[in-house]
């Protein structure tokens, strides 16, 4: 009778191969879970920053129009870390317009992550955040506050209508951060990809705007 040799070893090798594939699958799921968790964290922070500015505008209706930044990116936009308040409203009594400038400077520092640094780099904020405050056309005293940031993987460009004008029609989404964010594809090519732009927007109306 012929003996079968090495059969148990073969079974062990097959079992190890199956285990290795399973572990790779688990590792992949963990990586995806971490990415999803970080995306959710960034969205949560962006909402908090947008809500913070919305409340600042709401609390200073006499200078609401002084908060308007538009949506065109430049070195003077909130998020670059370049805005400086000419006065300290915690020390002196400020006018509504001066308070608006200080609020924008504080928001700029929050967006740029100045609360925490590593060497010369600011690391306390969400990735490449930009803040935009826009007037809603045709609707006096109404504003849209948006925060955009760099997402991880391309999904879809922001397209949700969140505000309505005086006629009750949807207002087009903000272009805050548009064409600012890029993505490195599988071939290693880096190109602007608006599908990596993440954005949250909030709307408010004030009882009075302007000086």
Foldseek 3Di string as FASTA:
>chain_A
DDDDPCPVVVVVVVVVVVVVVVVVVVVVVVVVVVQVVVVVVQVVQFVVLLVVVVVLLQVLAAANVLLADAADDDCPFQQNLPQDQPDDCVVPPDDSNSSSSVSSNVSSCANNQVVDADVPHRDRHAASKTWGKHDQPQAPQKIKIKIKHFGADFDAADFDFDDAGPVRDTDTDGCHCPQPYWDQDPVRDIHRDNSRMDMDMDMDGYPHHYD
